[in-house]
Amino acid sequence: MTYILNTLQTLATPVIKDWIDYNGHLNDAYYLVIFTKATDALQNHLGLTLDHIQNTGETLFTVESHLTYLQEIGLGEMVTITTQLLQTDNKRMRVFHRMYNDQNDLLATVEMLFLCYNLNAKKVSNFSQMMVQSLALLEKEHKDIPWPEQAGKGIALTRSAPL
């Protein structure tokens, strides 16, 4: 498969029966389940493993997401998720996941904002040095990837004339 240059492939999974809705398509909630699994893989890639979380208390909390549904997905289809790091600072990480089928059609996207949270202190905290280094490396790898068309968009109704 061909993806946008240098994005990270974080997940490949078939669409299972339990995820299908009464219309015969992937239920909207399960798009986010799939993207969350990709986020888990991204965390592991960055070194934010279960062991690290248990030993340090450092974890990520999702604080915002914006999901865009572009095409229907059916039972048994294989979907692949790629991940692009958009921005980061000392305690936040903004990522963009893309979902593709085997024909490399873009099916859905989600933009997500995460905060570094320390479970032991029970508060938002700065990233550890390990995470700062991991994020800096990924940011360098993704610096030349074009900004996603769907990134930074909110939800709004535009009308040509009042009702």
N, C-alpha and C. Protein backbone atom coordinates (compact mmCIF):
# COMPACT_ATOMS: atom_id res chain seq x y z
N MET A 1 0.83 -1.19 0.00
CA MET A 1 0.00 0.00 0.00
C MET A 1 0.87 1.24 0.00
N THR A 2 0.35 2.28 -0.58
CA THR A 2 1.07 3.54 -0.62
C THR A 2 0.34 4.57 0.22
N TYR A 3 1.03 5.13 1.18
CA TYR A 3 0.45 6.13 2.05
C TYR A 3 1.20 7.43 1.88
N ILE A 4 0.69 8.47 2.50
CA ILE A 4 1.39 9.74 2.49
C ILE A 4 2.78 9.53 3.07
N LEU A 5 3.75 10.15 2.44
CA LEU A 5 5.16 10.01 2.80
C LEU A 5 5.39 10.10 4.30
N ASN A 6 6.05 9.10 4.85
CA ASN A 6 6.56 9.09 6.21
C ASN A 6 5.52 9.00 7.33
N THR A 7 4.24 8.79 7.03
CA THR A 7 3.32 8.56 8.13
C THR A 7 3.64 7.20 8.73
N LEU A 8 3.22 7.00 9.94
CA LEU A 8 3.49 5.79 10.68
C LEU A 8 2.28 4.87 10.58
N GLN A 9 2.46 3.64 10.11
CA GLN A 9 1.35 2.69 10.11
C GLN A 9 1.20 2.16 11.53
N THR A 10 0.06 2.43 12.16
CA THR A 10 -0.12 2.06 13.55
C THR A 10 -1.06 0.89 13.77
N LEU A 11 -1.87 0.53 12.78
CA LEU A 11 -2.82 -0.56 12.98
C LEU A 11 -3.31 -1.09 11.65
N ALA A 12 -3.56 -2.40 11.61
CA ALA A 12 -4.29 -3.04 10.51
C ALA A 12 -5.23 -4.04 11.17
N THR A 13 -6.52 -3.96 10.83
CA THR A 13 -7.50 -4.83 11.47
C THR A 13 -8.68 -5.08 10.53
N PRO A 14 -9.25 -6.29 10.60
CA PRO A 14 -10.48 -6.52 9.84
C PRO A 14 -11.67 -5.93 10.59
N VAL A 15 -12.70 -5.56 9.87
CA VAL A 15 -13.95 -5.10 10.47
C VAL A 15 -14.74 -6.35 10.86
N ILE A 16 -15.05 -6.48 12.14
CA ILE A 16 -15.71 -7.68 12.64
C ILE A 16 -17.22 -7.48 12.78
N LYS A 17 -17.94 -8.58 12.88
CA LYS A 17 -19.41 -8.57 12.91
C LYS A 17 -19.96 -7.70 14.04
N ASP A 18 -19.37 -7.74 15.21
CA ASP A 18 -19.87 -6.97 16.35
C ASP A 18 -19.82 -5.46 16.11
N TRP A 19 -19.05 -5.02 15.15
CA TRP A 19 -18.91 -3.59 14.87
C TRP A 19 -19.90 -3.10 13.80
N ILE A 20 -20.68 -4.00 13.23
CA ILE A 20 -21.59 -3.64 12.14
C ILE A 20 -22.95 -3.20 12.69
N ASP A 21 -23.48 -2.11 12.15
CA ASP A 21 -24.77 -1.59 12.62
C ASP A 21 -25.93 -2.15 11.79
N TYR A 22 -27.13 -1.68 12.08
CA TYR A 22 -28.35 -2.16 11.42
C TYR A 22 -28.41 -1.75 9.96
N ASN A 23 -27.55 -0.87 9.50
CA ASN A 23 -27.48 -0.50 8.09
C ASN A 23 -26.49 -1.38 7.32
N GLY A 24 -25.82 -2.29 8.02
CA GLY A 24 -24.87 -3.17 7.38
C GLY A 24 -23.48 -2.55 7.19
N HIS A 25 -23.21 -1.47 7.92
CA HIS A 25 -21.92 -0.78 7.82
C HIS A 25 -21.27 -0.68 9.19
N LEU A 26 -20.01 -0.30 9.19
CA LEU A 26 -19.29 -0.07 10.44
C LEU A 26 -20.03 1.01 11.23
N ASN A 27 -20.42 0.68 12.46
CA ASN A 27 -21.11 1.62 13.34
C ASN A 27 -20.18 2.78 13.66
N ASP A 28 -20.75 3.98 13.74
CA ASP A 28 -19.91 5.16 13.93
C ASP A 28 -19.04 5.08 15.18
N ALA A 29 -19.52 4.47 16.25
CA ALA A 29 -18.73 4.37 17.48
C ALA A 29 -17.47 3.52 17.28
N TYR A 30 -17.53 2.54 16.39
CA TYR A 30 -16.40 1.65 16.22
C TYR A 30 -15.28 2.25 15.38
N TYR A 31 -15.57 3.29 14.63
CA TYR A 31 -14.47 4.03 13.99
C TYR A 31 -13.52 4.51 15.09
N LEU A 32 -14.10 5.09 16.14
CA LEU A 32 -13.27 5.62 17.22
C LEU A 32 -12.57 4.50 17.98
N VAL A 33 -13.22 3.34 18.12
CA VAL A 33 -12.56 2.19 18.74
C VAL A 33 -11.30 1.84 17.95
N ILE A 34 -11.43 1.77 16.64
CA ILE A 34 -10.29 1.43 15.79
C ILE A 34 -9.20 2.50 15.91
N PHE A 35 -9.59 3.77 15.85
CA PHE A 35 -8.60 4.84 15.98
C PHE A 35 -7.95 4.83 17.36
N THR A 36 -8.69 4.46 18.39
CA THR A 36 -8.11 4.39 19.74
C THR A 36 -7.08 3.27 19.82
N LYS A 37 -7.34 2.16 19.16
CA LYS A 37 -6.35 1.08 19.10
C LYS A 37 -5.07 1.57 18.40
N ALA A 38 -5.23 2.39 17.37
CA ALA A 38 -4.07 2.97 16.69
C ALA A 38 -3.31 3.91 17.63
N THR A 39 -4.04 4.66 18.45
CA THR A 39 -3.39 5.52 19.43
C THR A 39 -2.60 4.70 20.43
N ASP A 40 -3.15 3.57 20.87
CA ASP A 40 -2.42 2.68 21.78
C ASP A 40 -1.10 2.23 21.14
N ALA A 41 -1.15 1.89 19.85
CA ALA A 41 0.06 1.47 19.14
C ALA A 41 1.04 2.63 19.04
N LEU A 42 0.55 3.83 18.80
CA LEU A 42 1.41 5.02 18.77
C LEU A 42 2.08 5.22 20.12
N GLN A 43 1.33 5.10 21.21
CA GLN A 43 1.91 5.24 22.54
C GLN A 43 3.06 4.25 22.73
N ASN A 44 2.82 2.99 22.36
CA ASN A 44 3.88 1.98 22.49
C ASN A 44 5.09 2.35 21.65
N HIS A 45 4.85 2.84 20.44
CA HIS A 45 5.94 3.27 19.56
C HIS A 45 6.78 4.37 20.22
N LEU A 46 6.11 5.24 20.93
CA LEU A 46 6.80 6.36 21.60
C LEU A 46 7.47 5.95 22.90
N GLY A 47 7.20 4.73 23.39
CA GLY A 47 7.78 4.27 24.65
C GLY A 47 6.83 4.40 25.82
N LEU A 48 5.63 4.86 25.57
CA LEU A 48 4.62 5.01 26.62
C LEU A 48 3.87 3.69 26.74
N THR A 49 4.60 2.67 27.17
CA THR A 49 4.08 1.31 27.29
C THR A 49 3.34 1.14 28.61
N LEU A 50 2.65 0.03 28.76
CA LEU A 50 1.97 -0.26 30.01
C LEU A 50 2.96 -0.28 31.17
N ASP A 51 4.13 -0.89 30.98
CA ASP A 51 5.16 -0.89 32.03
C ASP A 51 5.57 0.52 32.41
N HIS A 52 5.79 1.37 31.40
CA HIS A 52 6.17 2.76 31.67
C HIS A 52 5.07 3.47 32.46
N ILE A 53 3.83 3.28 32.06
CA ILE A 53 2.70 3.92 32.75
C ILE A 53 2.64 3.45 34.19
N GLN A 54 2.77 2.14 34.41
CA GLN A 54 2.69 1.60 35.76
C GLN A 54 3.87 2.04 36.64
N ASN A 55 5.06 2.18 36.02
CA ASN A 55 6.24 2.56 36.79
C ASN A 55 6.35 4.05 37.07
N THR A 56 5.80 4.88 36.18
CA THR A 56 5.98 6.34 36.32
C THR A 56 4.68 7.10 36.56
N GLY A 57 3.56 6.52 36.19
CA GLY A 57 2.29 7.22 36.27
C GLY A 57 2.02 8.09 35.05
N GLU A 58 3.02 8.24 34.17
CA GLU A 58 2.86 9.09 32.98
C GLU A 58 1.98 8.38 31.96
N THR A 59 0.94 9.07 31.51
CA THR A 59 0.03 8.52 30.52
C THR A 59 -0.53 9.66 29.68
N LEU A 60 -1.38 9.31 28.74
CA LEU A 60 -2.06 10.31 27.92
C LEU A 60 -3.55 10.25 28.19
N PHE A 61 -4.16 11.42 28.27
CA PHE A 61 -5.62 11.53 28.32
C PHE A 61 -6.07 12.25 27.07
N THR A 62 -7.09 11.71 26.42
CA THR A 62 -7.68 12.37 25.26
C THR A 62 -8.55 13.52 25.76
N VAL A 63 -8.35 14.71 25.20
CA VAL A 63 -9.15 15.86 25.61
C VAL A 63 -10.04 16.39 24.49
N GLU A 64 -9.74 15.99 23.24
CA GLU A 64 -10.57 16.44 22.14
C GLU A 64 -10.34 15.53 20.94
N SER A 65 -11.41 15.32 20.16
CA SER A 65 -11.26 14.57 18.91
C SER A 65 -12.30 15.06 17.92
N HIS A 66 -11.92 14.98 16.65
CA HIS A 66 -12.84 15.35 15.57
C HIS A 66 -12.73 14.28 14.50
N LEU A 67 -13.80 13.49 14.35
CA LEU A 67 -13.81 12.36 13.43
C LEU A 67 -14.59 12.73 12.18
N THR A 68 -14.03 12.38 11.03
CA THR A 68 -14.66 12.62 9.74
C THR A 68 -14.90 11.28 9.05
N TYR A 69 -16.15 11.01 8.70
CA TYR A 69 -16.53 9.79 7.99
C TYR A 69 -16.56 10.11 6.50
N LEU A 70 -15.76 9.40 5.71
CA LEU A 70 -15.67 9.72 4.28
C LEU A 70 -16.30 8.67 3.38
N GLN A 71 -16.19 7.39 3.77
CA GLN A 71 -16.77 6.31 2.97
C GLN A 71 -17.30 5.22 3.88
N GLU A 72 -18.28 4.48 3.38
CA GLU A 72 -18.83 3.34 4.13
C GLU A 72 -17.79 2.23 4.21
N ILE A 73 -17.91 1.46 5.28
CA ILE A 73 -17.02 0.32 5.49
C ILE A 73 -17.91 -0.87 5.86
N GLY A 74 -17.64 -2.02 5.25
CA GLY A 74 -18.48 -3.19 5.48
C GLY A 74 -17.76 -4.30 6.23
N LEU A 75 -18.54 -5.29 6.59
CA LEU A 75 -18.05 -6.46 7.31
C LEU A 75 -16.91 -7.13 6.57
N GLY A 76 -15.86 -7.46 7.29
CA GLY A 76 -14.73 -8.20 6.74
C GLY A 76 -13.69 -7.37 6.02
N GLU A 77 -14.01 -6.10 5.77
CA GLU A 77 -13.00 -5.26 5.12
C GLU A 77 -11.80 -5.09 6.04
N MET A 78 -10.63 -5.08 5.46
CA MET A 78 -9.41 -4.83 6.21
C MET A 78 -9.16 -3.32 6.17
N VAL A 79 -8.94 -2.74 7.32
CA VAL A 79 -8.62 -1.31 7.38
C VAL A 79 -7.24 -1.13 7.99
N THR A 80 -6.54 -0.13 7.49
CA THR A 80 -5.21 0.20 7.96
C THR A 80 -5.22 1.65 8.41
N ILE A 81 -4.58 1.89 9.55
CA ILE A 81 -4.51 3.24 10.10
C ILE A 81 -3.08 3.74 10.00
N THR A 82 -2.96 4.98 9.51
CA THR A 82 -1.67 5.66 9.55
C THR A 82 -1.82 6.86 10.48
N THR A 83 -0.71 7.25 11.06
CA THR A 83 -0.72 8.31 12.07
C THR A 83 0.34 9.35 11.75
N GLN A 84 -0.05 10.59 11.90
CA GLN A 84 0.84 11.73 11.67
C GLN A 84 0.83 12.60 12.92
N LEU A 85 2.00 12.91 13.42
CA LEU A 85 2.12 13.85 14.52
C LEU A 85 2.04 15.26 13.93
N LEU A 86 1.04 16.02 14.38
CA LEU A 86 0.86 17.38 13.86
C LEU A 86 1.62 18.41 14.69
N GLN A 87 1.44 18.36 16.00
CA GLN A 87 2.06 19.34 16.89
C GLN A 87 2.29 18.71 18.25
N THR A 88 3.25 19.28 18.96
CA THR A 88 3.50 18.87 20.33
C THR A 88 4.12 20.03 21.09
N ASP A 89 3.93 20.03 22.40
CA ASP A 89 4.64 20.97 23.26
C ASP A 89 5.01 20.21 24.53
N ASN A 90 5.25 20.90 25.62
CA ASN A 90 5.76 20.22 26.81
C ASN A 90 4.75 19.30 27.49
N LYS A 91 3.44 19.43 27.17
CA LYS A 91 2.46 18.55 27.80
C LYS A 91 1.31 18.14 26.89
N ARG A 92 1.35 18.54 25.62
CA ARG A 92 0.26 18.20 24.69
C ARG A 92 0.81 17.55 23.43
N MET A 93 -0.05 16.74 22.82
CA MET A 93 0.30 16.07 21.57
C MET A 93 -0.95 16.08 20.70
N ARG A 94 -0.81 16.55 19.47
CA ARG A 94 -1.91 16.59 18.51
C ARG A 94 -1.56 15.66 17.36
N VAL A 95 -2.43 14.66 17.12
CA VAL A 95 -2.16 13.67 16.08
C VAL A 95 -3.32 13.60 15.10
N PHE A 96 -3.02 13.04 13.94
CA PHE A 96 -4.01 12.87 12.88
C PHE A 96 -3.91 11.43 12.38
N HIS A 97 -4.99 10.67 12.57
CA HIS A 97 -5.07 9.30 12.08
C HIS A 97 -5.88 9.28 10.78
N ARG A 98 -5.45 8.43 9.84
CA ARG A 98 -6.19 8.19 8.60
C ARG A 98 -6.51 6.71 8.50
N MET A 99 -7.72 6.39 8.05
CA MET A 99 -8.14 5.00 7.87
C MET A 99 -8.27 4.72 6.37
N TYR A 100 -7.62 3.65 5.91
CA TYR A 100 -7.64 3.25 4.50
C TYR A 100 -8.17 1.83 4.37
N ASN A 101 -8.72 1.51 3.19
CA ASN A 101 -9.05 0.12 2.88
C ASN A 101 -7.92 -0.47 2.04
N ASP A 102 -8.10 -1.71 1.58
CA ASP A 102 -7.06 -2.39 0.79
C ASP A 102 -6.83 -1.75 -0.57
N GLN A 103 -7.79 -0.98 -1.05
CA GLN A 103 -7.63 -0.28 -2.32
C GLN A 103 -6.99 1.09 -2.12
N ASN A 104 -6.57 1.36 -0.89
CA ASN A 104 -5.92 2.62 -0.52
C ASN A 104 -6.88 3.81 -0.61
N ASP A 105 -8.19 3.56 -0.48
CA ASP A 105 -9.17 4.64 -0.42
C ASP A 105 -9.20 5.18 1.01
N LEU A 106 -9.24 6.48 1.14
CA LEU A 106 -9.35 7.10 2.45
C LEU A 106 -10.79 6.96 2.93
N LEU A 107 -10.99 6.29 4.08
CA LEU A 107 -12.32 5.99 4.58
C LEU A 107 -12.77 6.94 5.68
N ALA A 108 -11.83 7.34 6.54
CA ALA A 108 -12.17 8.19 7.68
C ALA A 108 -10.89 8.80 8.22
N THR A 109 -11.06 9.89 8.95
CA THR A 109 -9.92 10.53 9.63
C THR A 109 -10.37 10.95 11.02
N VAL A 110 -9.41 11.10 11.90
CA VAL A 110 -9.69 11.68 13.21
C VAL A 110 -8.47 12.49 13.64
N GLU A 111 -8.75 13.68 14.12
CA GLU A 111 -7.73 14.54 14.71
C GLU A 111 -7.95 14.48 16.21
N MET A 112 -6.87 14.25 16.96
CA MET A 112 -7.00 14.07 18.41
C MET A 112 -5.97 14.91 19.15
N LEU A 113 -6.40 15.43 20.29
CA LEU A 113 -5.52 16.18 21.17
C LEU A 113 -5.41 15.43 22.49
N PHE A 114 -4.18 15.23 22.92
CA PHE A 114 -3.90 14.49 24.16
C PHE A 114 -3.13 15.39 25.12
N LEU A 115 -3.37 15.17 26.41
CA LEU A 115 -2.60 15.81 27.46
C LEU A 115 -1.79 14.76 28.19
N CYS A 116 -0.59 15.12 28.60
CA CYS A 116 0.20 14.25 29.47
C CYS A 116 -0.40 14.36 30.87
N TYR A 117 -0.68 13.22 31.46
CA TYR A 117 -1.29 13.20 32.78
C TYR A 117 -0.51 12.25 33.66
N ASN A 118 -0.28 12.65 34.90
CA ASN A 118 0.40 11.78 35.84
C ASN A 118 -0.63 11.16 36.77
N LEU A 119 -0.80 9.85 36.67
CA LEU A 119 -1.78 9.13 37.47
C LEU A 119 -1.45 9.17 38.95
N ASN A 120 -0.16 9.22 39.30
CA ASN A 120 0.24 9.25 40.71
C ASN A 120 -0.07 10.61 41.34
N ALA A 121 0.25 11.68 40.62
CA ALA A 121 0.01 13.03 41.12
C ALA A 121 -1.44 13.48 40.88
N LYS A 122 -2.13 12.75 40.02
CA LYS A 122 -3.52 13.07 39.63
C LYS A 122 -3.64 14.49 39.07
N LYS A 123 -2.73 14.80 38.14
CA LYS A 123 -2.79 16.11 37.49
C LYS A 123 -2.03 16.08 36.16
N VAL A 124 -2.34 17.08 35.35
CA VAL A 124 -1.62 17.27 34.09
C VAL A 124 -0.17 17.59 34.43
N SER A 125 0.74 17.03 33.65
CA SER A 125 2.17 17.26 33.92
C SER A 125 2.92 17.39 32.60
N ASN A 126 4.16 17.80 32.69
CA ASN A 126 5.02 17.86 31.51
C ASN A 126 5.42 16.44 31.11
N PHE A 127 5.69 16.27 29.83
CA PHE A 127 6.19 14.99 29.35
C PHE A 127 7.54 14.69 30.01
N SER A 128 7.80 13.42 30.23
CA SER A 128 9.11 12.97 30.72
C SER A 128 10.15 13.21 29.63
N GLN A 129 11.40 13.15 30.01
CA GLN A 129 12.48 13.31 29.04
C GLN A 129 12.41 12.25 27.95
N MET A 130 12.03 11.03 28.33
CA MET A 130 11.88 9.95 27.35
C MET A 130 10.84 10.32 26.30
N MET A 131 9.69 10.85 26.73
CA MET A 131 8.64 11.23 25.79
C MET A 131 9.05 12.45 24.97
N VAL A 132 9.72 13.40 25.57
CA VAL A 132 10.20 14.58 24.83
C VAL A 132 11.10 14.12 23.69
N GLN A 133 12.00 13.20 23.96
CA GLN A 133 12.92 12.70 22.92
C GLN A 133 12.16 11.91 21.86
N SER A 134 11.23 11.06 22.27
CA SER A 134 10.46 10.27 21.30
C SER A 134 9.61 11.17 20.41
N LEU A 135 8.97 12.16 21.01
CA LEU A 135 8.14 13.08 20.23
C LEU A 135 8.99 13.92 19.29
N ALA A 136 10.16 14.34 19.74
CA ALA A 136 11.05 15.14 18.88
C ALA A 136 11.48 14.33 17.66
N LEU A 137 11.78 13.06 17.86
CA LEU A 137 12.18 12.20 16.75
C LEU A 137 11.02 12.02 15.77
N LEU A 138 9.82 11.75 16.27
CA LEU A 138 8.67 11.58 15.38
C LEU A 138 8.32 12.89 14.68
N GLU A 139 8.43 13.99 15.40
CA GLU A 139 8.16 15.30 14.80
C GLU A 139 9.13 15.57 13.64
N LYS A 140 10.38 15.19 13.82
CA LYS A 140 11.38 15.34 12.75
C LYS A 140 11.02 14.47 11.55
N GLU A 141 10.58 13.23 11.80
CA GLU A 141 10.20 12.32 10.72
C GLU A 141 8.97 12.82 9.96
N HIS A 142 8.09 13.55 10.62
CA HIS A 142 6.83 13.98 10.02
C HIS A 142 6.83 15.43 9.56
N LYS A 143 7.94 16.13 9.71
CA LYS A 143 7.98 17.58 9.44
C LYS A 143 7.66 17.94 7.99
N ASP A 144 7.93 17.07 7.05
CA ASP A 144 7.70 17.38 5.64
C ASP A 144 6.38 16.83 5.09
N ILE A 145 5.59 16.20 5.94
CA ILE A 145 4.31 15.66 5.50
C ILE A 145 3.33 16.82 5.39
N PRO A 146 2.62 16.92 4.28
CA PRO A 146 1.64 18.01 4.14
C PRO A 146 0.58 17.97 5.24
N TRP A 147 0.11 19.15 5.61
CA TRP A 147 -0.94 19.27 6.61
C TRP A 147 -2.22 18.63 6.06
N PRO A 148 -2.88 17.78 6.84
CA PRO A 148 -4.11 17.12 6.35
C PRO A 148 -5.23 18.13 6.07
N GLU A 149 -5.96 17.88 5.00
CA GLU A 149 -7.06 18.76 4.62
C GLU A 149 -8.11 18.88 5.72
N GLN A 150 -8.38 17.78 6.44
CA GLN A 150 -9.42 17.78 7.47
C GLN A 150 -8.95 18.35 8.81
N ALA A 151 -7.66 18.57 8.99
CA ALA A 151 -7.15 19.01 10.28
C ALA A 151 -7.58 20.44 10.60
N GLY A 152 -7.91 20.66 11.86
CA GLY A 152 -8.26 21.99 12.32
C GLY A 152 -9.66 22.44 11.98
N LYS A 153 -10.45 21.54 11.45
CA LYS A 153 -11.81 21.92 11.06
C LYS A 153 -12.78 21.60 12.19
N GLY A 154 -13.72 22.46 12.38
CA GLY A 154 -14.79 22.22 13.34
C GLY A 154 -16.06 21.85 12.61
N ILE A 155 -17.15 21.91 13.32
CA ILE A 155 -18.45 21.60 12.73
C ILE A 155 -19.24 22.90 12.64
N ALA A 156 -19.78 23.17 11.48
CA ALA A 156 -20.59 24.37 11.30
C ALA A 156 -21.58 24.15 10.17
N LEU A 157 -22.71 24.82 10.27
CA LEU A 157 -23.68 24.83 9.19
C LEU A 157 -23.51 26.14 8.44
N THR A 158 -23.45 26.05 7.14
CA THR A 158 -23.42 27.27 6.34
C THR A 158 -24.71 27.31 5.53
N ARG A 159 -25.33 28.45 5.52
CA ARG A 159 -26.60 28.59 4.79
C ARG A 159 -26.47 29.71 3.77
N SER A 160 -27.08 29.47 2.64
CA SER A 160 -27.07 30.52 1.62
C SER A 160 -28.15 31.57 1.88
N ALA A 161 -29.20 31.16 2.59
CA ALA A 161 -30.26 32.10 2.91
C ALA A 161 -30.92 31.66 4.22
N PRO A 162 -31.40 32.59 5.00
CA PRO A 162 -32.07 32.22 6.26
C PRO A 162 -33.35 31.43 5.98
N LEU A 163 -33.72 30.59 6.90
CA LEU A 163 -34.96 29.81 6.76
C LEU A 163 -36.18 30.68 6.88
